[in-house]
Each structure stands twice: as C-alpha cells, then as structure tokens.
Amino acid sequence: MVVEDEPAIQELIACNLELGGTPAFARRDASSAGPWCALRCRSRVVDWMLPGMSGIESRARLRADKRTQEVPVIMLTARADEA
C-alpha cells in the first residue's frame, strides 16, 4: 500500500512498485488506509507528512494492532530534518 497525498508522487511510487512485480494499492490519507491495510497489506509506504493523521501516527497505530504489527513500513518525507 502507498499512502501519499501528492497524486504525482503517489503514482510514481505505485508505478515503480508494480514494475518491480509488487501490486500497489494507493490511498491519499492514513485514516482511509488503516482499515483497508488490516485486511490486505503485506507492506506499506507512508509519507511522513499527511493531511489529518501523520505517517508517524499511522505507523504507531499499525504497531498497536495485532493484525498489522508485523507489516513492514517504509517512511518517506521531503523534510530537510527530523525536527
């Protein structure tokens, strides 16, 4: 699953995953991705800065749910520093 609010970036990531043989499902915000991920995700690419729930909070929720705590997560960001 790709969770990215910028359509061009979302499409670029999904396209590259699919070219590598990994089916990609895209969502624009973490809130809509959460329940869907619990049923279908094997891995997740998440933007750090999302509208509503941040990528960091989304990752914390995945880890708190027994159904998704083992789902690998790759965090993306355009931020220059963590602070």
C-alpha atoms as a PDB file:
ATOM      1  CA  MET A   1       0.000   0.000   0.000  1.00  0.00           C
ATOM      2  CA  VAL A   2       1.188   3.500  -0.850  1.00  0.00           C
ATOM      3  CA  VAL A   3      -0.111   6.314   1.374  1.00  0.00           C
ATOM      4  CA  GLU A   4       0.796   9.630  -0.243  1.00  0.00           C
ATOM      5  CA  ASP A   5      -1.263  12.820  -0.581  1.00  0.00           C
ATOM      6  CA  GLU A   6       0.523  14.181  -3.679  1.00  0.00           C
ATOM      7  CA  PRO A   7      -1.010  12.425  -6.734  1.00  0.00           C
ATOM      8  CA  ALA A   8       2.130  12.631  -8.903  1.00  0.00           C
ATOM      9  CA  ILE A   9       4.363  11.163  -6.195  1.00  0.00           C
ATOM     10  CA  GLN A  10       1.762   8.518  -5.348  1.00  0.00           C
ATOM     11  CA  GLU A  11       1.593   7.448  -8.994  1.00  0.00           C
ATOM     12  CA  LEU A  12       5.394   7.396  -9.341  1.00  0.00           C
ATOM     13  CA  ILE A  13       5.833   5.157  -6.285  1.00  0.00           C
ATOM     14  CA  ALA A  14       2.960   2.825  -7.233  1.00  0.00           C
ATOM     15  CA  CYS A  15       4.197   2.525 -10.821  1.00  0.00           C
ATOM     16  CA  ASN A  16       7.732   1.633  -9.713  1.00  0.00           C
ATOM     17  CA  LEU A  17       6.462  -0.957  -7.238  1.00  0.00           C
ATOM     18  CA  GLU A  18       4.315  -2.561  -9.930  1.00  0.00           C
ATOM     19  CA  LEU A  19       7.212  -2.564 -12.416  1.00  0.00           C
ATOM     20  CA  GLY A  20       9.141  -4.486  -9.749  1.00  0.00           C
ATOM     21  CA  GLY A  21       6.366  -7.065  -9.501  1.00  0.00           C
ATOM     22  CA  THR A  22       4.628  -5.757  -6.372  1.00  0.00           C
ATOM     23  CA  PRO A  23       0.924  -4.912  -6.696  1.00  0.00           C
ATOM     24  CA  ALA A  24       0.339  -1.402  -5.331  1.00  0.00           C
ATOM     25  CA  PHE A  25      -2.827  -0.015  -3.802  1.00  0.00           C
ATOM     26  CA  ALA A  26      -2.880   3.721  -3.172  1.00  0.00           C
ATOM     27  CA  ARG A  27      -4.611   5.921  -0.600  1.00  0.00           C
ATOM     28  CA  ARG A  28      -4.302   9.696  -0.119  1.00  0.00           C
ATOM     29  CA  ASP A  29      -4.584   9.738   3.682  1.00  0.00           C
ATOM     30  CA  ALA A  30      -3.716   7.456   6.584  1.00  0.00           C
ATOM     31  CA  SER A  31      -7.240   7.360   8.018  1.00  0.00           C
ATOM     32  CA  SER A  32      -8.689   5.648   4.948  1.00  0.00           C
ATOM     33  CA  ALA A  33      -5.677   3.352   4.630  1.00  0.00           C
ATOM     34  CA  GLY A  34      -5.802   1.921   8.157  1.00  0.00           C
ATOM     35  CA  PRO A  35      -8.822  -0.411   7.996  1.00  0.00           C
ATOM     36  CA  TRP A  36      -8.027  -1.410   4.436  1.00  0.00           C
ATOM     37  CA  CYS A  37      -4.450  -2.280   5.360  1.00  0.00           C
ATOM     38  CA  ALA A  38      -5.580  -4.566   8.177  1.00  0.00           C
ATOM     39  CA  LEU A  39      -7.224  -6.786   5.568  1.00  0.00           C
ATOM     40  CA  ARG A  40      -4.804  -6.699   2.626  1.00  0.00           C
ATOM     41  CA  CYS A  41      -1.375  -5.169   3.282  1.00  0.00           C
ATOM     42  CA  ARG A  42       1.878  -7.046   3.157  1.00  0.00           C
ATOM     43  CA  SER A  43       3.919  -3.844   3.294  1.00  0.00           C
ATOM     44  CA  ARG A  44       3.314  -0.123   3.374  1.00  0.00           C
ATOM     45  CA  VAL A  45       4.987   3.007   2.004  1.00  0.00           C
ATOM     46  CA  VAL A  46       3.869   6.043   4.006  1.00  0.00           C
ATOM     47  CA  ASP A  47       4.511   9.755   3.595  1.00  0.00           C
ATOM     48  CA  TRP A  48       5.664  11.332   6.859  1.00  0.00           C
ATOM     49  CA  MET A  49       3.524  14.445   6.361  1.00  0.00           C
ATOM     50  CA  LEU A  50      -0.101  13.624   5.517  1.00  0.00           C
ATOM     51  CA  PRO A  51      -3.308  15.569   5.998  1.00  0.00           C
ATOM     52  CA  GLY A  52      -5.153  14.562   9.171  1.00  0.00           C
ATOM     53  CA  MET A  53      -3.234  11.677  10.693  1.00  0.00           C
ATOM     54  CA  SER A  54       0.542  11.876  10.131  1.00  0.00           C
ATOM     55  CA  GLY A  55       2.573   8.989   8.782  1.00  0.00           C
ATOM     56  CA  ILE A  56       4.219   8.661  12.207  1.00  0.00           C
ATOM     57  CA  GLU A  57       0.853   8.289  13.948  1.00  0.00           C
ATOM     58  CA  SER A  58      -0.279   5.856  11.256  1.00  0.00           C
ATOM     59  CA  ARG A  59       2.797   3.695  11.877  1.00  0.00           C
ATOM     60  CA  ALA A  60       2.150   3.743  15.627  1.00  0.00           C
ATOM     61  CA  ARG A  61      -1.402   2.525  15.041  1.00  0.00           C
ATOM     62  CA  LEU A  62      -0.163  -0.290  12.800  1.00  0.00           C
ATOM     63  CA  ARG A  63       2.205  -1.416  15.548  1.00  0.00           C
ATOM     64  CA  ALA A  64      -0.558  -1.299  18.184  1.00  0.00           C
ATOM     65  CA  ASP A  65      -2.885  -3.592  16.174  1.00  0.00           C
ATOM     66  CA  LYS A  66      -2.039  -7.310  16.359  1.00  0.00           C
ATOM     67  CA  ARG A  67      -3.306  -7.791  12.787  1.00  0.00           C
ATOM     68  CA  THR A  68      -0.791  -5.299  11.358  1.00  0.00           C
ATOM     69  CA  GLN A  69       2.086  -5.052  13.839  1.00  0.00           C
ATOM     70  CA  GLU A  70       4.358  -7.127  11.581  1.00  0.00           C
ATOM     71  CA  VAL A  71       3.611  -5.132   8.389  1.00  0.00           C
ATOM     72  CA  PRO A  72       6.888  -3.594   7.133  1.00  0.00           C
ATOM     73  CA  VAL A  73       6.689   0.202   6.762  1.00  0.00           C
ATOM     74  CA  ILE A  74       8.854   2.490   4.634  1.00  0.00           C
ATOM     75  CA  MET A  75       8.558   6.152   5.621  1.00  0.00           C
ATOM     76  CA  LEU A  76       9.045   8.882   3.007  1.00  0.00           C
ATOM     77  CA  THR A  77       9.480  12.584   3.527  1.00  0.00           C
ATOM     78  CA  ALA A  78      10.596  15.714   1.750  1.00  0.00           C
ATOM     79  CA  ARG A  79      11.510  17.320   5.077  1.00  0.00           C
ATOM     80  CA  ALA A  80      15.064  18.506   5.472  1.00  0.00           C
ATOM     81  CA  ASP A  81      15.380  17.422   9.105  1.00  0.00           C
ATOM     82  CA  GLU A  82      13.510  15.386  11.694  1.00  0.00           C
ATOM     83  CA  ALA A  83      12.697  18.326  13.977  1.00  0.00           C
END
